[in-house]
Amino acid sequence: RLGVPVAERWLERRRPTGTQTRLGSA
């Protein structure tokens, strides 16, 4: 839609964080 390329390998998640659905901001 935007004509902007994707850089899929610029970030990595180095540790699992689990679901955050029930967590507050802090």
mmCIF file of all heavy atoms, coordinates in Angstrom:
data_MODEL
# 
_entry.id   MODEL 
# 
loop_
_atom_site.group_PDB 
_atom_site.id 
_atom_site.type_symbol 
_atom_site.label_atom_id 
_atom_site.label_alt_id 
_atom_site.label_comp_id 
_atom_site.label_asym_id 
_atom_site.label_entity_id 
_atom_site.label_seq_id 
_atom_site.pdbx_PDB_ins_code 
_atom_site.Cartn_x 
_atom_site.Cartn_y 
_atom_site.Cartn_z 
_atom_site.occupancy 
_atom_site.B_iso_or_equiv 
_atom_site.pdbx_formal_charge 
_atom_site.auth_seq_id 
_atom_site.auth_comp_id 
_atom_site.auth_asym_id 
_atom_site.auth_atom_id 
_atom_site.pdbx_PDB_model_num 
ATOM 1   N N   . ARG A 1 1  ? 0.819  -1.219  0.000  1.00 0.00 ? 1  ARG A N   1 
ATOM 2   C CA  . ARG A 1 1  ? 0.000  0.000   0.000  1.00 0.00 ? 1  ARG A CA  1 
ATOM 3   C C   . ARG A 1 1  ? 0.853  1.270   0.000  1.00 0.00 ? 1  ARG A C   1 
ATOM 4   O O   . ARG A 1 1  ? 0.492  2.264   -0.639 1.00 0.00 ? 1  ARG A O   1 
ATOM 5   C CB  . ARG A 1 1  ? -0.921 0.019   1.221  1.00 0.00 ? 1  ARG A CB  1 
ATOM 6   C CG  . ARG A 1 1  ? -2.144 -0.874  1.067  1.00 0.00 ? 1  ARG A CG  1 
ATOM 7   C CD  . ARG A 1 1  ? -3.077 -0.722  2.241  1.00 0.00 ? 1  ARG A CD  1 
ATOM 8   N NE  . ARG A 1 1  ? -4.328 -1.408  1.971  1.00 0.00 ? 1  ARG A NE  1 
ATOM 9   C CZ  . ARG A 1 1  ? -5.406 -0.847  1.442  1.00 0.00 ? 1  ARG A CZ  1 
ATOM 10  N NH1 . ARG A 1 1  ? -5.380 0.438   1.131  1.00 0.00 ? 1  ARG A NH1 1 
ATOM 11  N NH2 . ARG A 1 1  ? -6.503 -1.542  1.230  1.00 0.00 ? 1  ARG A NH2 1 
ATOM 12  N N   . LEU A 1 2  ? 1.945  1.259   0.756  1.00 0.00 ? 2  LEU A N   1 
ATOM 13  C CA  . LEU A 1 2  ? 2.727  2.478   0.960  1.00 0.00 ? 2  LEU A CA  1 
ATOM 14  C C   . LEU A 1 2  ? 3.922  2.596   0.027  1.00 0.00 ? 2  LEU A C   1 
ATOM 15  O O   . LEU A 1 2  ? 4.524  3.668   -0.074 1.00 0.00 ? 2  LEU A O   1 
ATOM 16  C CB  . LEU A 1 2  ? 3.220  2.531   2.416  1.00 0.00 ? 2  LEU A CB  1 
ATOM 17  C CG  . LEU A 1 2  ? 2.140  2.516   3.501  1.00 0.00 ? 2  LEU A CG  1 
ATOM 18  C CD1 . LEU A 1 2  ? 2.784  2.433   4.885  1.00 0.00 ? 2  LEU A CD1 1 
ATOM 19  C CD2 . LEU A 1 2  ? 1.254  3.750   3.396  1.00 0.00 ? 2  LEU A CD2 1 
ATOM 20  N N   . GLY A 1 3  ? 4.293  1.501   -0.628 1.00 0.00 ? 3  GLY A N   1 
ATOM 21  C CA  . GLY A 1 3  ? 5.468  1.537   -1.485 1.00 0.00 ? 3  GLY A CA  1 
ATOM 22  C C   . GLY A 1 3  ? 6.755  1.690   -0.715 1.00 0.00 ? 3  GLY A C   1 
ATOM 23  O O   . GLY A 1 3  ? 7.730  2.278   -1.207 1.00 0.00 ? 3  GLY A O   1 
ATOM 24  N N   . VAL A 1 4  ? 6.777  1.159   0.514  1.00 0.00 ? 4  VAL A N   1 
ATOM 25  C CA  . VAL A 1 4  ? 7.954  1.229   1.379  1.00 0.00 ? 4  VAL A CA  1 
ATOM 26  C C   . VAL A 1 4  ? 8.479  -0.193  1.583  1.00 0.00 ? 4  VAL A C   1 
ATOM 27  O O   . VAL A 1 4  ? 7.703  -1.097  1.875  1.00 0.00 ? 4  VAL A O   1 
ATOM 28  C CB  . VAL A 1 4  ? 7.592  1.868   2.743  1.00 0.00 ? 4  VAL A CB  1 
ATOM 29  C CG1 . VAL A 1 4  ? 8.795  1.886   3.678  1.00 0.00 ? 4  VAL A CG1 1 
ATOM 30  C CG2 . VAL A 1 4  ? 7.069  3.286   2.530  1.00 0.00 ? 4  VAL A CG2 1 
ATOM 31  N N   . PRO A 1 5  ? 9.792  -0.416  1.438  1.00 0.00 ? 5  PRO A N   1 
ATOM 32  C CA  . PRO A 1 5  ? 10.316 -1.774  1.566  1.00 0.00 ? 5  PRO A CA  1 
ATOM 33  C C   . PRO A 1 5  ? 10.294 -2.284  3.003  1.00 0.00 ? 5  PRO A C   1 
ATOM 34  O O   . PRO A 1 5  ? 10.274 -1.505  3.961  1.00 0.00 ? 5  PRO A O   1 
ATOM 35  C CB  . PRO A 1 5  ? 11.755 -1.653  1.048  1.00 0.00 ? 5  PRO A CB  1 
ATOM 36  C CG  . PRO A 1 5  ? 12.118 -0.217  1.267  1.00 0.00 ? 5  PRO A CG  1 
ATOM 37  C CD  . PRO A 1 5  ? 10.845 0.559   1.063  1.00 0.00 ? 5  PRO A CD  1 
ATOM 38  N N   . VAL A 1 6  ? 10.325 -3.600  3.126  1.00 0.00 ? 6  VAL A N   1 
ATOM 39  C CA  . VAL A 1 6  ? 10.332 -4.263  4.430  1.00 0.00 ? 6  VAL A CA  1 
ATOM 40  C C   . VAL A 1 6  ? 11.754 -4.706  4.764  1.00 0.00 ? 6  VAL A C   1 
ATOM 41  O O   . VAL A 1 6  ? 12.443 -5.293  3.917  1.00 0.00 ? 6  VAL A O   1 
ATOM 42  C CB  . VAL A 1 6  ? 9.390  -5.482  4.433  1.00 0.00 ? 6  VAL A CB  1 
ATOM 43  C CG1 . VAL A 1 6  ? 9.441  -6.192  5.791  1.00 0.00 ? 6  VAL A CG1 1 
ATOM 44  C CG2 . VAL A 1 6  ? 7.966  -5.067  4.103  1.00 0.00 ? 6  VAL A CG2 1 
ATOM 45  N N   . ALA A 1 7  ? 12.197 -4.426  5.988  1.00 0.00 ? 7  ALA A N   1 
ATOM 46  C CA  . ALA A 1 7  ? 13.499 -4.884  6.482  1.00 0.00 ? 7  ALA A CA  1 
ATOM 47  C C   . ALA A 1 7  ? 13.215 -5.820  7.659  1.00 0.00 ? 7  ALA A C   1 
ATOM 48  O O   . ALA A 1 7  ? 13.198 -5.400  8.818  1.00 0.00 ? 7  ALA A O   1 
ATOM 49  C CB  . ALA A 1 7  ? 14.369 -3.711  6.898  1.00 0.00 ? 7  ALA A CB  1 
ATOM 50  N N   . GLU A 1 8  ? 12.983 -7.089  7.330  1.00 0.00 ? 8  GLU A N   1 
ATOM 51  C CA  . GLU A 1 8  ? 12.482 -8.024  8.344  1.00 0.00 ? 8  GLU A CA  1 
ATOM 52  C C   . GLU A 1 8  ? 13.550 -8.454  9.342  1.00 0.00 ? 8  GLU A C   1 
ATOM 53  O O   . GLU A 1 8  ? 13.224 -8.909  10.433 1.00 0.00 ? 8  GLU A O   1 
ATOM 54  C CB  . GLU A 1 8  ? 11.893 -9.250  7.642  1.00 0.00 ? 8  GLU A CB  1 
ATOM 55  C CG  . GLU A 1 8  ? 11.027 -10.114 8.542  1.00 0.00 ? 8  GLU A CG  1 
ATOM 56  C CD  . GLU A 1 8  ? 10.238 -11.148 7.768  1.00 0.00 ? 8  GLU A CD  1 
ATOM 57  O OE1 . GLU A 1 8  ? 10.067 -10.983 6.534  1.00 0.00 ? 8  GLU A OE1 1 
ATOM 58  O OE2 . GLU A 1 8  ? 9.789  -12.114 8.385  1.00 0.00 ? 8  GLU A OE2 1 
ATOM 59  N N   . ARG A 1 9  ? 14.839 -8.299  8.996  1.00 0.00 ? 9  ARG A N   1 
ATOM 60  C CA  . ARG A 1 9  ? 15.902 -8.819  9.861  1.00 0.00 ? 9  ARG A CA  1 
ATOM 61  C C   . ARG A 1 9  ? 16.689 -7.706  10.548 1.00 0.00 ? 9  ARG A C   1 
ATOM 62  O O   . ARG A 1 9  ? 17.841 -7.904  10.909 1.00 0.00 ? 9  ARG A O   1 
ATOM 63  C CB  . ARG A 1 9  ? 16.826 -9.724  9.059  1.00 0.00 ? 9  ARG A CB  1 
ATOM 64  C CG  . ARG A 1 9  ? 16.121 -10.985 8.541  1.00 0.00 ? 9  ARG A CG  1 
ATOM 65  C CD  . ARG A 1 9  ? 17.085 -11.936 7.844  1.00 0.00 ? 9  ARG A CD  1 
ATOM 66  N NE  . ARG A 1 9  ? 17.653 -11.323 6.659  1.00 0.00 ? 9  ARG A NE  1 
ATOM 67  C CZ  . ARG A 1 9  ? 18.951 -11.337 6.337  1.00 0.00 ? 9  ARG A CZ  1 
ATOM 68  N NH1 . ARG A 1 9  ? 19.819 -11.908 7.148  1.00 0.00 ? 9  ARG A NH1 1 
ATOM 69  N NH2 . ARG A 1 9  ? 19.379 -10.773 5.226  1.00 0.00 ? 9  ARG A NH2 1 
ATOM 70  N N   . TRP A 1 10 ? 16.039 -6.565  10.751 1.00 0.00 ? 10 TRP A N   1 
ATOM 71  C CA  . TRP A 1 10 ? 16.726 -5.467  11.431 1.00 0.00 ? 10 TRP A CA  1 
ATOM 72  C C   . TRP A 1 10 ? 16.602 -5.559  12.945 1.00 0.00 ? 10 TRP A C   1 
ATOM 73  O O   . TRP A 1 10 ? 17.339 -4.899  13.666 1.00 0.00 ? 10 TRP A O   1 
ATOM 74  C CB  . TRP A 1 10 ? 16.178 -4.127  10.938 1.00 0.00 ? 10 TRP A CB  1 
ATOM 75  C CG  . TRP A 1 10 ? 16.781 -3.707  9.627  1.00 0.00 ? 10 TRP A CG  1 
ATOM 76  C CD1 . TRP A 1 10 ? 17.283 -4.519  8.653  1.00 0.00 ? 10 TRP A CD1 1 
ATOM 77  C CD2 . TRP A 1 10 ? 16.943 -2.366  9.159  1.00 0.00 ? 10 TRP A CD2 1 
ATOM 78  N NE1 . TRP A 1 10 ? 17.738 -3.775  7.603  1.00 0.00 ? 10 TRP A NE1 1 
ATOM 79  C CE2 . TRP A 1 10 ? 17.550 -2.458  7.868  1.00 0.00 ? 10 TRP A CE2 1 
ATOM 80  C CE3 . TRP A 1 10 ? 16.623 -1.119  9.667  1.00 0.00 ? 10 TRP A CE3 1 
ATOM 81  C CZ2 . TRP A 1 10 ? 17.849 -1.324  7.117  1.00 0.00 ? 10 TRP A CZ2 1 
ATOM 82  C CZ3 . TRP A 1 10 ? 16.911 0.007   8.908  1.00 0.00 ? 10 TRP A CZ3 1 
ATOM 83  C CH2 . TRP A 1 10 ? 17.522 -0.090  7.646  1.00 0.00 ? 10 TRP A CH2 1 
ATOM 84  N N   . LEU A 1 11 ? 15.656 -6.329  13.423 1.00 0.00 ? 11 LEU A N   1 
ATOM 85  C CA  . LEU A 1 11 ? 15.471 -6.522  14.862 1.00 0.00 ? 11 LEU A CA  1 
ATOM 86  C C   . LEU A 1 11 ? 15.337 -8.007  15.155 1.00 0.00 ? 11 LEU A C   1 
ATOM 87  O O   . LEU A 1 11 ? 14.828 -8.772  14.338 1.00 0.00 ? 11 LEU A O   1 
ATOM 88  C CB  . LEU A 1 11 ? 14.210 -5.808  15.358 1.00 0.00 ? 11 LEU A CB  1 
ATOM 89  C CG  . LEU A 1 11 ? 14.282 -4.333  15.732 1.00 0.00 ? 11 LEU A CG  1 
ATOM 90  C CD1 . LEU A 1 11 ? 12.884 -3.846  16.133 1.00 0.00 ? 11 LEU A CD1 1 
ATOM 91  C CD2 . LEU A 1 11 ? 15.263 -4.080  16.866 1.00 0.00 ? 11 LEU A CD2 1 
ATOM 92  N N   . GLU A 1 12 ? 15.765 -8.406  16.350 1.00 0.00 ? 12 GLU A N   1 
ATOM 93  C CA  . GLU A 1 12 ? 15.588 -9.776  16.821 1.00 0.00 ? 12 GLU A CA  1 
ATOM 94  C C   . GLU A 1 12 ? 15.018 -9.745  18.232 1.00 0.00 ? 12 GLU A C   1 
ATOM 95  O O   . GLU A 1 12 ? 15.269 -8.812  18.993 1.00 0.00 ? 12 GLU A O   1 
ATOM 96  C CB  . GLU A 1 12 ? 16.927 -10.523 16.832 1.00 0.00 ? 12 GLU A CB  1 
ATOM 97  C CG  . GLU A 1 12 ? 17.547 -10.696 15.463 1.00 0.00 ? 12 GLU A CG  1 
ATOM 98  C CD  . GLU A 1 12 ? 18.897 -11.386 15.518 1.00 0.00 ? 12 GLU A CD  1 
ATOM 99  O OE1 . GLU A 1 12 ? 19.386 -11.649 16.653 1.00 0.00 ? 12 GLU A OE1 1 
ATOM 100 O OE2 . GLU A 1 12 ? 19.474 -11.657 14.442 1.00 0.00 ? 12 GLU A OE2 1 
ATOM 101 N N   . ARG A 1 13 ? 14.219 -10.756 18.546 1.00 0.00 ? 13 ARG A N   1 
ATOM 102 C CA  . ARG A 1 13 ? 13.730 -10.909 19.929 1.00 0.00 ? 13 ARG A CA  1 
ATOM 103 C C   . ARG A 1 13 ? 14.589 -11.984 20.575 1.00 0.00 ? 13 ARG A C   1 
ATOM 104 O O   . ARG A 1 13 ? 14.523 -13.150 20.202 1.00 0.00 ? 13 ARG A O   1 
ATOM 105 C CB  . ARG A 1 13 ? 12.254 -11.302 19.958 1.00 0.00 ? 13 ARG A CB  1 
ATOM 106 C CG  . ARG A 1 13 ? 11.649 -11.198 21.375 1.00 0.00 ? 13 ARG A CG  1 
ATOM 107 C CD  . ARG A 1 13 ? 10.203 -11.658 21.397 1.00 0.00 ? 13 ARG A CD  1 
ATOM 108 N NE  . ARG A 1 13 ? 9.322  -10.751 20.692 1.00 0.00 ? 13 ARG A NE  1 
ATOM 109 C CZ  . ARG A 1 13 ? 8.422  -9.958  21.286 1.00 0.00 ? 13 ARG A CZ  1 
ATOM 110 N NH1 . ARG A 1 13 ? 8.317  -9.959  22.599 1.00 0.00 ? 13 ARG A NH1 1 
ATOM 111 N NH2 . ARG A 1 13 ? 7.638  -9.186  20.573 1.00 0.00 ? 13 ARG A NH2 1 
ATOM 112 N N   . ARG A 1 14 ? 15.422 -11.583 21.526 1.00 0.00 ? 14 ARG A N   1 
ATOM 113 C CA  . ARG A 1 14 ? 16.420 -12.511 22.041 1.00 0.00 ? 14 ARG A CA  1 
ATOM 114 C C   . ARG A 1 14 ? 15.966 -13.310 23.250 1.00 0.00 ? 14 ARG A C   1 
ATOM 115 O O   . ARG A 1 14 ? 16.649 -14.236 23.677 1.00 0.00 ? 14 ARG A O   1 
ATOM 116 C CB  . ARG A 1 14 ? 17.710 -11.773 22.367 1.00 0.00 ? 14 ARG A CB  1 
ATOM 117 C CG  . ARG A 1 14 ? 17.597 -10.687 23.422 1.00 0.00 ? 14 ARG A CG  1 
ATOM 118 C CD  . ARG A 1 14 ? 18.922 -9.937  23.506 1.00 0.00 ? 14 ARG A CD  1 
ATOM 119 N NE  . ARG A 1 14 ? 18.908 -8.915  24.533 1.00 0.00 ? 14 ARG A NE  1 
ATOM 120 C CZ  . ARG A 1 14 ? 19.911 -8.054  24.710 1.00 0.00 ? 14 ARG A CZ  1 
ATOM 121 N NH1 . ARG A 1 14 ? 20.958 -8.098  23.927 1.00 0.00 ? 14 ARG A NH1 1 
ATOM 122 N NH2 . ARG A 1 14 ? 19.842 -7.139  25.667 1.00 0.00 ? 14 ARG A NH2 1 
ATOM 123 N N   . ARG A 1 15 ? 14.838 -12.941 23.815 1.00 0.00 ? 15 ARG A N   1 
ATOM 124 C CA  . ARG A 1 15 ? 14.304 -13.782 24.888 1.00 0.00 ? 15 ARG A CA  1 
ATOM 125 C C   . ARG A 1 15 ? 12.784 -13.779 24.817 1.00 0.00 ? 15 ARG A C   1 
ATOM 126 O O   . ARG A 1 15 ? 12.170 -12.772 24.455 1.00 0.00 ? 15 ARG A O   1 
ATOM 127 C CB  . ARG A 1 15 ? 14.776 -13.322 26.274 1.00 0.00 ? 15 ARG A CB  1 
ATOM 128 C CG  . ARG A 1 15 ? 14.240 -12.002 26.748 1.00 0.00 ? 15 ARG A CG  1 
ATOM 129 C CD  . ARG A 1 15 ? 14.726 -11.724 28.175 1.00 0.00 ? 15 ARG A CD  1 
ATOM 130 N NE  . ARG A 1 15 ? 14.181 -10.483 28.693 1.00 0.00 ? 15 ARG A NE  1 
ATOM 131 C CZ  . ARG A 1 15 ? 12.969 -10.378 29.246 1.00 0.00 ? 15 ARG A CZ  1 
ATOM 132 N NH1 . ARG A 1 15 ? 12.188 -11.426 29.338 1.00 0.00 ? 15 ARG A NH1 1 
ATOM 133 N NH2 . ARG A 1 15 ? 12.549 -9.213  29.707 1.00 0.00 ? 15 ARG A NH2 1 
ATOM 134 N N   . PRO A 1 16 ? 12.155 -14.923 25.129 1.00 0.00 ? 16 PRO A N   1 
ATOM 135 C CA  . PRO A 1 16 ? 10.689 -14.986 25.076 1.00 0.00 ? 16 PRO A CA  1 
ATOM 136 C C   . PRO A 1 16 ? 10.080 -14.149 26.191 1.00 0.00 ? 16 PRO A C   1 
ATOM 137 O O   . PRO A 1 16 ? 10.603 -14.105 27.309 1.00 0.00 ? 16 PRO A O   1 
ATOM 138 C CB  . PRO A 1 16 ? 10.391 -16.483 25.271 1.00 0.00 ? 16 PRO A CB  1 
ATOM 139 C CG  . PRO A 1 16 ? 11.591 -17.006 25.997 1.00 0.00 ? 16 PRO A CG  1 
ATOM 140 C CD  . PRO A 1 16 ? 12.760 -16.190 25.534 1.00 0.00 ? 16 PRO A CD  1 
ATOM 141 N N   . THR A 1 17 ? 8.989  -13.481 25.891 1.00 0.00 ? 17 THR A N   1 
ATOM 142 C CA  . THR A 1 17 ? 8.335  -12.637 26.903 1.00 0.00 ? 17 THR A CA  1 
ATOM 143 C C   . THR A 1 17 ? 6.948  -13.145 27.271 1.00 0.00 ? 17 THR A C   1 
ATOM 144 O O   . THR A 1 17 ? 6.327  -12.608 28.180 1.00 0.00 ? 17 THR A O   1 
ATOM 145 C CB  . THR A 1 17 ? 8.218  -11.192 26.383 1.00 0.00 ? 17 THR A CB  1 
ATOM 146 O OG1 . THR A 1 17 ? 7.577  -11.195 25.100 1.00 0.00 ? 17 THR A OG1 1 
ATOM 147 C CG2 . THR A 1 17 ? 9.594  -10.577 26.243 1.00 0.00 ? 17 THR A CG2 1 
ATOM 148 N N   . GLY A 1 18 ? 6.460  -14.173 26.569 1.00 0.00 ? 18 GLY A N   1 
ATOM 149 C CA  . GLY A 1 18 ? 5.133  -14.687 26.888 1.00 0.00 ? 18 GLY A CA  1 
ATOM 150 C C   . GLY A 1 18 ? 4.060  -13.687 26.508 1.00 0.00 ? 18 GLY A C   1 
ATOM 151 O O   . GLY A 1 18 ? 4.323  -12.589 26.017 1.00 0.00 ? 18 GLY A O   1 
ATOM 152 N N   . THR A 1 19 ? 2.818  -14.054 26.765 1.00 0.00 ? 19 THR A N   1 
ATOM 153 C CA  . THR A 1 19 ? 1.717  -13.150 26.456 1.00 0.00 ? 19 THR A CA  1 
ATOM 154 C C   . THR A 1 19 ? 1.697  -11.980 27.430 1.00 0.00 ? 19 THR A C   1 
ATOM 155 O O   . THR A 1 19 ? 1.988  -12.136 28.623 1.00 0.00 ? 19 THR A O   1 
ATOM 156 C CB  . THR A 1 19 ? 0.371  -13.886 26.508 1.00 0.00 ? 19 THR A CB  1 
ATOM 157 O OG1 . THR A 1 19 ? -0.679 -12.947 26.185 1.00 0.00 ? 19 THR A OG1 1 
ATOM 158 C CG2 . THR A 1 19 ? 0.096  -14.470 27.878 1.00 0.00 ? 19 THR A CG2 1 
ATOM 159 N N   . GLN A 1 20 ? 1.367  -10.798 26.912 1.00 0.00 ? 20 GLN A N   1 
ATOM 160 C CA  . GLN A 1 20 ? 1.314  -9.594  27.752 1.00 0.00 ? 20 GLN A CA  1 
ATOM 161 C C   . GLN A 1 20 ? -0.109 -9.094  27.925 1.00 0.00 ? 20 GLN A C   1 
ATOM 162 O O   . GLN A 1 20 ? -0.315 -8.004  28.453 1.00 0.00 ? 20 GLN A O   1 
ATOM 163 C CB  . GLN A 1 20 ? 2.182  -8.503  27.129 1.00 0.00 ? 20 GLN A CB  1 
ATOM 164 C CG  . GLN A 1 20 ? 3.642  -8.911  26.971 1.00 0.00 ? 20 GLN A CG  1 
ATOM 165 C CD  . GLN A 1 20 ? 4.546  -7.716  27.040 1.00 0.00 ? 20 GLN A CD  1 
ATOM 166 O OE1 . GLN A 1 20 ? 5.371  -7.609  27.947 1.00 0.00 ? 20 GLN A OE1 1 
ATOM 167 N NE2 . GLN A 1 20 ? 4.397  -6.801  26.110 1.00 0.00 ? 20 GLN A NE2 1 
ATOM 168 N N   . THR A 1 21 ? -1.063 -9.883  27.511 1.00 0.00 ? 21 THR A N   1 
ATOM 169 C CA  . THR A 1 21 ? -2.455 -9.442  27.472 1.00 0.00 ? 21 THR A CA  1 
ATOM 170 C C   . THR A 1 21 ? -2.940 -8.956  28.829 1.00 0.00 ? 21 THR A C   1 
ATOM 171 O O   . THR A 1 21 ? -3.665 -7.964  28.927 1.00 0.00 ? 21 THR A O   1 
ATOM 172 C CB  . THR A 1 21 ? -3.364 -10.587 26.977 1.00 0.00 ? 21 THR A CB  1 
ATOM 173 O OG1 . THR A 1 21 ? -2.866 -11.050 25.719 1.00 0.00 ? 21 THR A OG1 1 
ATOM 174 C CG2 . THR A 1 21 ? -4.790 -10.109 26.825 1.00 0.00 ? 21 THR A CG2 1 
ATOM 175 N N   . ARG A 1 22 ? -2.547 -9.655  29.884 1.00 0.00 ? 22 ARG A N   1 
ATOM 176 C CA  . ARG A 1 22 ? -3.068 -9.331  31.221 1.00 0.00 ? 22 ARG A CA  1 
ATOM 177 C C   . ARG A 1 22 ? -2.114 -8.467  32.053 1.00 0.00 ? 22 ARG A C   1 
ATOM 178 O O   . ARG A 1 22 ? -2.343 -8.257  33.235 1.00 0.00 ? 22 ARG A O   1 
ATOM 179 C CB  . ARG A 1 22 ? -3.390 -10.628 31.971 1.00 0.00 ? 22 ARG A CB  1 
ATOM 180 C CG  . ARG A 1 22 ? -4.499 -11.444 31.334 1.00 0.00 ? 22 ARG A CG  1 
ATOM 181 C CD  . ARG A 1 22 ? -4.758 -12.732 32.116 1.00 0.00 ? 22 ARG A CD  1 
ATOM 182 N NE  . ARG A 1 22 ? -5.877 -13.472 31.556 1.00 0.00 ? 22 ARG A NE  1 
ATOM 183 C CZ  . ARG A 1 22 ? -5.783 -14.318 30.526 1.00 0.00 ? 22 ARG A CZ  1 
ATOM 184 N NH1 . ARG A 1 22 ? -4.593 -14.524 29.958 1.00 0.00 ? 22 ARG A NH1 1 
ATOM 185 N NH2 . ARG A 1 22 ? -6.838 -14.955 30.070 1.00 0.00 ? 22 ARG A NH2 1 
ATOM 186 N N   . LEU A 1 23 ? -1.037 -7.970  31.442 1.00 0.00 ? 23 LEU A N   1 
ATOM 187 C CA  . LEU A 1 23 ? -0.066 -7.173  32.180 1.00 0.00 ? 23 LEU A CA  1 
ATOM 188 C C   . LEU A 1 23 ? -0.370 -5.683  32.045 1.00 0.00 ? 23 LEU A C   1 
ATOM 189 O O   . LEU A 1 23 ? -0.781 -5.220  30.982 1.00 0.00 ? 23 LEU A O   1 
ATOM 190 C CB  . LEU A 1 23 ? 1.350  -7.451  31.666 1.00 0.00 ? 23 LEU A CB  1 
ATOM 191 C CG  . LEU A 1 23 ? 1.876  -8.876  31.802 1.00 0.00 ? 23 LEU A CG  1 
ATOM 192 C CD1 . LEU A 1 23 ? 3.295  -8.964  31.253 1.00 0.00 ? 23 LEU A CD1 1 
ATOM 193 C CD2 . LEU A 1 23 ? 1.829  -9.350  33.247 1.00 0.00 ? 23 LEU A CD2 1 
ATOM 194 N N   . GLY A 1 24 ? -0.131 -4.950  33.120 1.00 0.00 ? 24 GLY A N   1 
ATOM 195 C CA  . GLY A 1 24 ? -0.255 -3.508  33.081 1.00 0.00 ? 24 GLY A CA  1 
ATOM 196 C C   . GLY A 1 24 ? 0.975  -2.878  32.466 1.00 0.00 ? 24 GLY A C   1 
ATOM 197 O O   . GLY A 1 24 ? 1.938  -3.557  32.090 1.00 0.00 ? 24 GLY A O   1 
ATOM 198 N N   . SER A 1 25 ? 0.968  -1.545  32.389 1.00 0.00 ? 25 SER A N   1 
ATOM 199 C CA  . SER A 1 25 ? 2.042  -0.828  31.710 1.00 0.00 ? 25 SER A CA  1 
ATOM 200 C C   . SER A 1 25 ? 3.406  -1.092  32.343 1.00 0.00 ? 25 SER A C   1 
ATOM 201 O O   . SER A 1 25 ? 4.375  -1.391  31.638 1.00 0.00 ? 25 SER A O   1 
ATOM 202 C CB  . SER A 1 25 ? 1.735  0.674   31.727 1.00 0.00 ? 25 SER A CB  1 
ATOM 203 O OG  . SER A 1 25 ? 2.758  1.400   31.099 1.00 0.00 ? 25 SER A OG  1 
ATOM 204 N N   . ALA A 1 26 ? 3.498  -0.978  33.676 1.00 0.00 ? 26 ALA A N   1 
ATOM 205 C CA  . ALA A 1 26 ? 4.788  -1.170  34.348 1.00 0.00 ? 26 ALA A CA  1 
ATOM 206 C C   . ALA A 1 26 ? 5.285  -2.598  34.187 1.00 0.00 ? 26 ALA A C   1 
ATOM 207 O O   . ALA A 1 26 ? 6.479  -2.834  33.939 1.00 0.00 ? 26 ALA A O   1 
ATOM 208 C CB  . ALA A 1 26 ? 4.666  -0.810  35.829 1.00 0.00 ? 26 ALA A CB  1 
# 
